[in-house]
Amino acid sequence: MDHASWVRFLLWCAAVNYGVLVLVFLAWLAARGPMRRLHQRWFALGDTQIDGYMYAFLGFYKLATWFFLLVPALVLHLLG
């Protein structure tokens, strides 16, 4: 595969991952109450802790998308 194919592949993967990120965020907004109750039943966590963990998860997922997909695509684009 050449550089352009890899760049297109990585950008499509990044778009799919951002779609998943937005979908999870919208699901969290739409069903925050039931999801909190479910997680409070499974784990001994308060509302602020659950929100904090969810915020950290979404931030980590976004950074992972940047570091593993968008940055390599940019580097390949600049090298090609």
PDB file of N, CA and C in Angstrom:
ATOM      1  N   MET A   1       0.837  -1.185   0.000  1.00  0.00           N
ATOM      2  CA  MET A   1       0.000   0.000   0.000  1.00  0.00           C
ATOM      3  C   MET A   1       0.882   1.248   0.000  1.00  0.00           C
ATOM      4  N   ASP A   2       0.443   2.247  -0.690  1.00  0.00           N
ATOM      5  CA  ASP A   2       1.187   3.499  -0.725  1.00  0.00           C
ATOM      6  C   ASP A   2       0.721   4.432   0.402  1.00  0.00           C
ATOM      7  N   HIS A   3       1.392   5.555   0.509  1.00  0.00           N
ATOM      8  CA  HIS A   3       1.089   6.514   1.589  1.00  0.00           C
ATOM      9  C   HIS A   3      -0.348   7.024   1.506  1.00  0.00           C
ATOM     10  N   ALA A   4      -0.813   7.307   0.316  1.00  0.00           N
ATOM     11  CA  ALA A   4      -2.162   7.870   0.174  1.00  0.00           C
ATOM     12  C   ALA A   4      -3.229   6.876   0.636  1.00  0.00           C
ATOM     13  N   SER A   5      -3.032   5.597   0.352  1.00  0.00           N
ATOM     14  CA  SER A   5      -4.002   4.579   0.803  1.00  0.00           C
ATOM     15  C   SER A   5      -4.024   4.481   2.317  1.00  0.00           C
ATOM     16  N   TRP A   6      -2.844   4.525   2.931  1.00  0.00           N
ATOM     17  CA  TRP A   6      -2.786   4.472   4.388  1.00  0.00           C
ATOM     18  C   TRP A   6      -3.430   5.699   5.014  1.00  0.00           C
ATOM     19  N   VAL A   7      -3.202   6.852   4.417  1.00  0.00           N
ATOM     20  CA  VAL A   7      -3.805   8.082   4.944  1.00  0.00           C
ATOM     21  C   VAL A   7      -5.320   7.988   4.859  1.00  0.00           C
ATOM     22  N   ARG A   8      -5.851   7.552   3.729  1.00  0.00           N
ATOM     23  CA  ARG A   8      -7.312   7.407   3.597  1.00  0.00           C
ATOM     24  C   ARG A   8      -7.856   6.407   4.608  1.00  0.00           C
ATOM     25  N   PHE A   9      -7.162   5.271   4.768  1.00  0.00           N
ATOM     26  CA  PHE A   9      -7.589   4.253   5.723  1.00  0.00           C
ATOM     27  C   PHE A   9      -7.623   4.808   7.146  1.00  0.00           C
ATOM     28  N   LEU A  10      -6.559   5.490   7.545  1.00  0.00           N
ATOM     29  CA  LEU A  10      -6.497   6.045   8.901  1.00  0.00           C
ATOM     30  C   LEU A  10      -7.556   7.119   9.128  1.00  0.00           C
ATOM     31  N   LEU A  11      -7.813   7.931   8.110  1.00  0.00           N
ATOM     32  CA  LEU A  11      -8.846   8.966   8.253  1.00  0.00           C
ATOM     33  C   LEU A  11     -10.235   8.357   8.349  1.00  0.00           C
ATOM     34  N   TRP A  12     -10.505   7.285   7.592  1.00  0.00           N
ATOM     35  CA  TRP A  12     -11.801   6.612   7.718  1.00  0.00           C
ATOM     36  C   TRP A  12     -11.949   5.977   9.102  1.00  0.00           C
ATOM     37  N   CYS A  13     -10.878   5.379   9.601  1.00  0.00           N
ATOM     38  CA  CYS A  13     -10.926   4.809  10.955  1.00  0.00           C
ATOM     39  C   CYS A  13     -11.179   5.898  11.993  1.00  0.00           C
ATOM     40  N   ALA A  14     -10.540   7.041  11.818  1.00  0.00           N
ATOM     41  CA  ALA A  14     -10.749   8.154  12.743  1.00  0.00           C
ATOM     42  C   ALA A  14     -12.185   8.649  12.679  1.00  0.00           C
ATOM     43  N   ALA A  15     -12.764   8.716  11.477  1.00  0.00           N
ATOM     44  CA  ALA A  15     -14.153   9.159  11.339  1.00  0.00           C
ATOM     45  C   ALA A  15     -15.098   8.183  12.033  1.00  0.00           C
ATOM     46  N   VAL A  16     -14.849   6.891  11.881  1.00  0.00           N
ATOM     47  CA  VAL A  16     -15.690   5.889  12.549  1.00  0.00           C
ATOM     48  C   VAL A  16     -15.550   6.014  14.061  1.00  0.00           C
ATOM     49  N   ASN A  17     -14.332   6.192  14.546  1.00  0.00           N
ATOM     50  CA  ASN A  17     -14.119   6.325  15.988  1.00  0.00           C
ATOM     51  C   ASN A  17     -14.760   7.589  16.542  1.00  0.00           C
ATOM     52  N   TYR A  18     -14.714   8.691  15.797  1.00  0.00           N
ATOM     53  CA  TYR A  18     -15.400   9.906  16.249  1.00  0.00           C
ATOM     54  C   TYR A  18     -16.915   9.711  16.241  1.00  0.00           C
ATOM     55  N   GLY A  19     -17.422   8.929  15.289  1.00  0.00           N
ATOM     56  CA  GLY A  19     -18.847   8.599  15.285  1.00  0.00           C
ATOM     57  C   GLY A  19     -19.234   7.820  16.533  1.00  0.00           C
ATOM     58  N   VAL A  20     -18.404   6.856  16.899  1.00  0.00           N
ATOM     59  CA  VAL A  20     -18.655   6.088  18.130  1.00  0.00           C
ATOM     60  C   VAL A  20     -18.593   7.001  19.344  1.00  0.00           C
ATOM     61  N   LEU A  21     -17.634   7.896  19.365  1.00  0.00           N
ATOM     62  CA  LEU A  21     -17.500   8.840  20.476  1.00  0.00           C
ATOM     63  C   LEU A  21     -18.749   9.705  20.618  1.00  0.00           C
ATOM     64  N   VAL A  22     -19.244  10.232  19.521  1.00  0.00           N
ATOM     65  CA  VAL A  22     -20.450  11.068  19.549  1.00  0.00           C
ATOM     66  C   VAL A  22     -21.660  10.234  19.954  1.00  0.00           C
ATOM     67  N   LEU A  23     -21.743   9.009  19.456  1.00  0.00           N
ATOM     68  CA  LEU A  23     -22.865   8.135  19.801  1.00  0.00           C
ATOM     69  C   LEU A  23     -22.888   7.821  21.301  1.00  0.00           C
ATOM     70  N   VAL A  24     -21.742   7.524  21.871  1.00  0.00           N
ATOM     71  CA  VAL A  24     -21.673   7.245  23.313  1.00  0.00           C
ATOM     72  C   VAL A  24     -22.037   8.492  24.111  1.00  0.00           C
ATOM     73  N   PHE A  25     -21.550   9.644  23.667  1.00  0.00           N
ATOM     74  CA  PHE A  25     -21.880  10.895  24.359  1.00  0.00           C
ATOM     75  C   PHE A  25     -23.378  11.170  24.314  1.00  0.00           C
ATOM     76  N   LEU A  26     -24.000  11.002  23.152  1.00  0.00           N
ATOM     77  CA  LEU A  26     -25.444  11.230  23.045  1.00  0.00           C
ATOM     78  C   LEU A  26     -26.238  10.212  23.854  1.00  0.00           C
ATOM     79  N   ALA A  27     -25.779   8.960  23.881  1.00  0.00           N
ATOM     80  CA  ALA A  27     -26.452   7.938  24.696  1.00  0.00           C
ATOM     81  C   ALA A  27     -26.344   8.294  26.177  1.00  0.00           C
ATOM     82  N   TRP A  28     -25.179   8.811  26.571  1.00  0.00           N
ATOM     83  CA  TRP A  28     -25.012   9.219  27.974  1.00  0.00           C
ATOM     84  C   TRP A  28     -25.935  10.382  28.323  1.00  0.00           C
ATOM     85  N   LEU A  29     -26.059  11.347  27.401  1.00  0.00           N
ATOM     86  CA  LEU A  29     -26.961  12.472  27.660  1.00  0.00           C
ATOM     87  C   LEU A  29     -28.420  12.030  27.719  1.00  0.00           C
ATOM     88  N   ALA A  30     -28.797  11.127  26.834  1.00  0.00           N
ATOM     89  CA  ALA A  30     -30.197  10.709  26.748  1.00  0.00           C
ATOM     90  C   ALA A  30     -30.604   9.803  27.904  1.00  0.00           C
ATOM     91  N   ALA A  31     -29.690   8.969  28.370  1.00  0.00           N
ATOM     92  CA  ALA A  31     -30.063   7.974  29.387  1.00  0.00           C
ATOM     93  C   ALA A  31     -29.149   8.052  30.608  1.00  0.00           C
ATOM     94  N   ARG A  32     -28.831   9.257  31.021  1.00  0.00           N
ATOM     95  CA  ARG A  32     -27.917   9.424  32.153  1.00  0.00           C
ATOM     96  C   ARG A  32     -28.486   8.817  33.436  1.00  0.00           C
ATOM     97  N   GLY A  33     -29.738   9.052  33.715  1.00  0.00           N
ATOM     98  CA  GLY A  33     -30.347   8.535  34.952  1.00  0.00           C
ATOM     99  C   GLY A  33     -30.346   7.016  35.029  1.00  0.00           C
ATOM    100  N   PRO A  34     -30.906   6.327  34.022  1.00  0.00           N
ATOM    101  CA  PRO A  34     -30.879   4.860  34.081  1.00  0.00           C
ATOM    102  C   PRO A  34     -29.462   4.272  34.092  1.00  0.00           C
ATOM    103  N   MET A  35     -28.550   4.893  33.370  1.00  0.00           N
ATOM    104  CA  MET A  35     -27.177   4.379  33.353  1.00  0.00           C
ATOM    105  C   MET A  35     -26.505   4.578  34.707  1.00  0.00           C
ATOM    106  N   ARG A  36     -26.791   5.702  35.361  1.00  0.00           N
ATOM    107  CA  ARG A  36     -26.247   5.922  36.709  1.00  0.00           C
ATOM    108  C   ARG A  36     -26.780   4.888  37.683  1.00  0.00           C
ATOM    109  N   ARG A  37     -28.102   4.646  37.645  1.00  0.00           N
ATOM    110  CA  ARG A  37     -28.690   3.666  38.563  1.00  0.00           C
ATOM    111  C   ARG A  37     -28.108   2.274  38.335  1.00  0.00           C
ATOM    112  N   LEU A  38     -27.907   1.912  37.071  1.00  0.00           N
ATOM    113  CA  LEU A  38     -27.340   0.611  36.748  1.00  0.00           C
ATOM    114  C   LEU A  38     -25.919   0.489  37.302  1.00  0.00           C
ATOM    115  N   HIS A  39     -25.112   1.513  37.099  1.00  0.00           N
ATOM    116  CA  HIS A  39     -23.734   1.459  37.580  1.00  0.00           C
ATOM    117  C   HIS A  39     -23.655   1.572  39.104  1.00  0.00           C
ATOM    118  N   GLN A  40     -24.598   2.279  39.710  1.00  0.00           N
ATOM    119  CA  GLN A  40     -24.607   2.349  41.171  1.00  0.00           C
ATOM    120  C   GLN A  40     -24.996   1.007  41.771  1.00  0.00           C
ATOM    121  N   ARG A  41     -25.805   0.225  41.048  1.00  0.00           N
ATOM    122  CA  ARG A  41     -26.144  -1.109  41.518  1.00  0.00           C
ATOM    123  C   ARG A  41     -24.935  -2.037  41.428  1.00  0.00           C
ATOM    124  N   TRP A  42     -24.151  -1.892  40.370  1.00  0.00           N
ATOM    125  CA  TRP A  42     -22.999  -2.762  40.180  1.00  0.00           C
ATOM    126  C   TRP A  42     -21.818  -2.356  41.051  1.00  0.00           C
ATOM    127  N   PHE A  43     -21.582  -1.057  41.189  1.00  0.00           N
ATOM    128  CA  PHE A  43     -20.419  -0.540  41.900  1.00  0.00           C
ATOM    129  C   PHE A  43     -20.888   0.468  42.946  1.00  0.00           C
ATOM    130  N   ALA A  44     -20.118   0.637  43.977  1.00  0.00           N
ATOM    131  CA  ALA A  44     -20.451   1.601  45.024  1.00  0.00           C
ATOM    132  C   ALA A  44     -19.879   2.967  44.644  1.00  0.00           C
ATOM    133  N   LEU A  45     -20.547   3.646  43.705  1.00  0.00           N
ATOM    134  CA  LEU A  45     -20.084   4.941  43.215  1.00  0.00           C
ATOM    135  C   LEU A  45     -21.189   5.977  43.346  1.00  0.00           C
ATOM    136  N   GLY A  46     -20.795   7.203  43.584  1.00  0.00           N
ATOM    137  CA  GLY A  46     -21.751   8.306  43.617  1.00  0.00           C
ATOM    138  C   GLY A  46     -21.928   8.894  42.219  1.00  0.00           C
ATOM    139  N   ASP A  47     -22.880   9.813  42.115  1.00  0.00           N
ATOM    140  CA  ASP A  47     -23.167  10.434  40.824  1.00  0.00           C
ATOM    141  C   ASP A  47     -21.961  11.182  40.258  1.00  0.00           C
ATOM    142  N   THR A  48     -21.267  11.922  41.116  1.00  0.00           N
ATOM    143  CA  THR A  48     -20.125  12.699  40.616  1.00  0.00           C
ATOM    144  C   THR A  48     -18.982  11.789  40.181  1.00  0.00           C
ATOM    145  N   GLN A  49     -18.805  10.671  40.875  1.00  0.00           N
ATOM    146  CA  GLN A  49     -17.759   9.733  40.472  1.00  0.00           C
ATOM    147  C   GLN A  49     -18.075   9.100  39.118  1.00  0.00           C
ATOM    148  N   ILE A  50     -19.312   8.714  38.920  1.00  0.00           N
ATOM    149  CA  ILE A  50     -19.707   8.115  37.646  1.00  0.00           C
ATOM    150  C   ILE A  50     -19.524   9.117  36.516  1.00  0.00           C
ATOM    151  N   ASP A  51     -19.936  10.360  36.736  1.00  0.00           N
ATOM    152  CA  ASP A  51     -19.739  11.396  35.718  1.00  0.00           C
ATOM    153  C   ASP A  51     -18.259  11.625  35.440  1.00  0.00           C
ATOM    154  N   GLY A  52     -17.449  11.621  36.485  1.00  0.00           N
ATOM    155  CA  GLY A  52     -16.010  11.808  36.321  1.00  0.00           C
ATOM    156  C   GLY A  52     -15.366  10.687  35.524  1.00  0.00           C
ATOM    157  N   TYR A  53     -15.754   9.457  35.835  1.00  0.00           N
ATOM    158  CA  TYR A  53     -15.210   8.317  35.084  1.00  0.00           C
ATOM    159  C   TYR A  53     -15.655   8.352  33.626  1.00  0.00           C
ATOM    160  N   MET A  54     -16.884   8.740  33.395  1.00  0.00           N
ATOM    161  CA  MET A  54     -17.369   8.820  32.014  1.00  0.00           C
ATOM    162  C   MET A  54     -16.640   9.921  31.253  1.00  0.00           C
ATOM    163  N   TYR A  55     -16.438  11.053  31.893  1.00  0.00           N
ATOM    164  CA  TYR A  55     -15.709  12.161  31.274  1.00  0.00           C
ATOM    165  C   TYR A  55     -14.271  11.745  30.970  1.00  0.00           C
ATOM    166  N   ALA A  56     -13.632  11.038  31.911  1.00  0.00           N
ATOM    167  CA  ALA A  56     -12.260  10.569  31.698  1.00  0.00           C
ATOM    168  C   ALA A  56     -12.203   9.547  30.568  1.00  0.00           C
ATOM    169  N   PHE A  57     -13.174   8.650  30.502  1.00  0.00           N
ATOM    170  CA  PHE A  57     -13.216   7.660  29.431  1.00  0.00           C
ATOM    171  C   PHE A  57     -13.345   8.328  28.074  1.00  0.00           C
ATOM    172  N   LEU A  58     -14.264   9.283  27.961  1.00  0.00           N
ATOM    173  CA  LEU A  58     -14.451   9.967  26.678  1.00  0.00           C
ATOM    174  C   LEU A  58     -13.199  10.752  26.289  1.00  0.00           C
ATOM    175  N   GLY A  59     -12.551  11.376  27.258  1.00  0.00           N
ATOM    176  CA  GLY A  59     -11.313  12.098  26.970  1.00  0.00           C
ATOM    177  C   GLY A  59     -10.195  11.168  26.539  1.00  0.00           C
ATOM    178  N   PHE A  60     -10.050  10.032  27.216  1.00  0.00           N
ATOM    179  CA  PHE A  60      -9.029   9.061  26.832  1.00  0.00           C
ATOM    180  C   PHE A  60      -9.292   8.512  25.441  1.00  0.00           C
ATOM    181  N   TYR A  61     -10.545   8.215  25.131  1.00  0.00           N
ATOM    182  CA  TYR A  61     -10.912   7.681  23.815  1.00  0.00           C
ATOM    183  C   TYR A  61     -10.586   8.695  22.720  1.00  0.00           C
ATOM    184  N   LYS A  62     -10.864   9.952  22.991  1.00  0.00           N
ATOM    185  CA  LYS A  62     -10.568  11.011  22.016  1.00  0.00           C
ATOM    186  C   LYS A  62      -9.064  11.160  21.817  1.00  0.00           C
ATOM    187  N   LEU A  63      -8.297  11.157  22.901  1.00  0.00           N
ATOM    188  CA  LEU A  63      -6.846  11.252  22.781  1.00  0.00           C
ATOM    189  C   LEU A  63      -6.256  10.036  22.068  1.00  0.00           C
ATOM    190  N   ALA A  64      -6.778   8.854  22.346  1.00  0.00           N
ATOM    191  CA  ALA A  64      -6.299   7.652  21.668  1.00  0.00           C
ATOM    192  C   ALA A  64      -6.569   7.734  20.168  1.00  0.00           C
ATOM    193  N   THR A  65      -7.723   8.271  19.794  1.00  0.00           N
ATOM    194  CA  THR A  65      -8.027   8.450  18.376  1.00  0.00           C
ATOM    195  C   THR A  65      -7.029   9.409  17.743  1.00  0.00           C
ATOM    196  N   TRP A  66      -6.716  10.477  18.434  1.00  0.00           N
ATOM    197  CA  TRP A  66      -5.733  11.425  17.910  1.00  0.00           C
ATOM    198  C   TRP A  66      -4.369  10.772  17.769  1.00  0.00           C
ATOM    199  N   PHE A  67      -3.879  10.125  18.837  1.00  0.00           N
ATOM    200  CA  PHE A  67      -2.513   9.614  18.835  1.00  0.00           C
ATOM    201  C   PHE A  67      -2.324   8.414  17.913  1.00  0.00           C
ATOM    202  N   PHE A  68      -3.324   7.572  17.778  1.00  0.00           N
ATOM    203  CA  PHE A  68      -3.159   6.345  16.998  1.00  0.00           C
ATOM    204  C   PHE A  68      -3.699   6.423  15.581  1.00  0.00           C
ATOM    205  N   LEU A  69      -4.503   7.439  15.263  1.00  0.00           N
ATOM    206  CA  LEU A  69      -5.075   7.529  13.922  1.00  0.00           C
ATOM    207  C   LEU A  69      -4.774   8.849  13.228  1.00  0.00           C
ATOM    208  N   LEU A  70      -5.066   9.962  13.872  1.00  0.00           N
ATOM    209  CA  LEU A  70      -4.917  11.249  13.198  1.00  0.00           C
ATOM    210  C   LEU A  70      -3.464  11.705  13.076  1.00  0.00           C
ATOM    211  N   VAL A  71      -2.670  11.523  14.112  1.00  0.00           N
ATOM    212  CA  VAL A  71      -1.258  11.919  14.034  1.00  0.00           C
ATOM    213  C   VAL A  71      -0.505  11.069  13.009  1.00  0.00           C
ATOM    214  N   PRO A  72      -0.666   9.735  13.007  1.00  0.00           N
ATOM    215  CA  PRO A  72       0.001   8.972  11.949  1.00  0.00           C
ATOM    216  C   PRO A  72      -0.475   9.344  10.545  1.00  0.00           C
ATOM    217  N   ALA A  73      -1.748   9.646  10.385  1.00  0.00           N
ATOM    218  CA  ALA A  73      -2.246  10.068   9.069  1.00  0.00           C
ATOM    219  C   ALA A  73      -1.590  11.375   8.647  1.00  0.00           C
ATOM    220  N   LEU A  74      -1.443  12.308   9.578  1.00  0.00           N
ATOM    221  CA  LEU A  74      -0.788  13.573   9.274  1.00  0.00           C
ATOM    222  C   LEU A  74       0.676  13.374   8.899  1.00  0.00           C
ATOM    223  N   VAL A  75       1.367  12.525   9.642  1.00  0.00           N
ATOM    224  CA  VAL A  75       2.778  12.265   9.354  1.00  0.00           C
ATOM    225  C   VAL A  75       2.926  11.605   7.987  1.00  0.00           C
ATOM    226  N   LEU A  76       2.103  10.605   7.695  1.00  0.00           N
ATOM    227  CA  LEU A  76       2.171   9.950   6.388  1.00  0.00           C
ATOM    228  C   LEU A  76       1.845  10.929   5.256  1.00  0.00           C
ATOM    229  N   HIS A  77       0.886  11.793   5.508  1.00  0.00           N
ATOM    230  CA  HIS A  77       0.539  12.794   4.499  1.00  0.00           C
ATOM    231  C   HIS A  77       1.710  13.740   4.233  1.00  0.00           C
ATOM    232  N   LEU A  78       2.391  14.154   5.298  1.00  0.00           N
ATOM    233  CA  LEU A  78       3.532  15.058   5.137  1.00  0.00           C
ATOM    234  C   LEU A  78       4.729  14.349   4.498  1.00  0.00           C
ATOM    235  N   LEU A  79       4.901  13.050   4.772  1.00  0.00           N
ATOM    236  CA  LEU A  79       6.001  12.301   4.169  1.00  0.00           C
ATOM    237  C   LEU A  79       5.729  11.944   2.710  1.00  0.00           C
ATOM    238  N   GLY A  80       4.469  11.762   2.374  1.00  0.00           N
ATOM    239  CA  GLY A  80       4.104  11.356   1.016  1.00  0.00           C
ATOM    240  C   GLY A  80       4.071  12.524   0.132  1.00  0.00           C
TER     241      GLY A  80
END
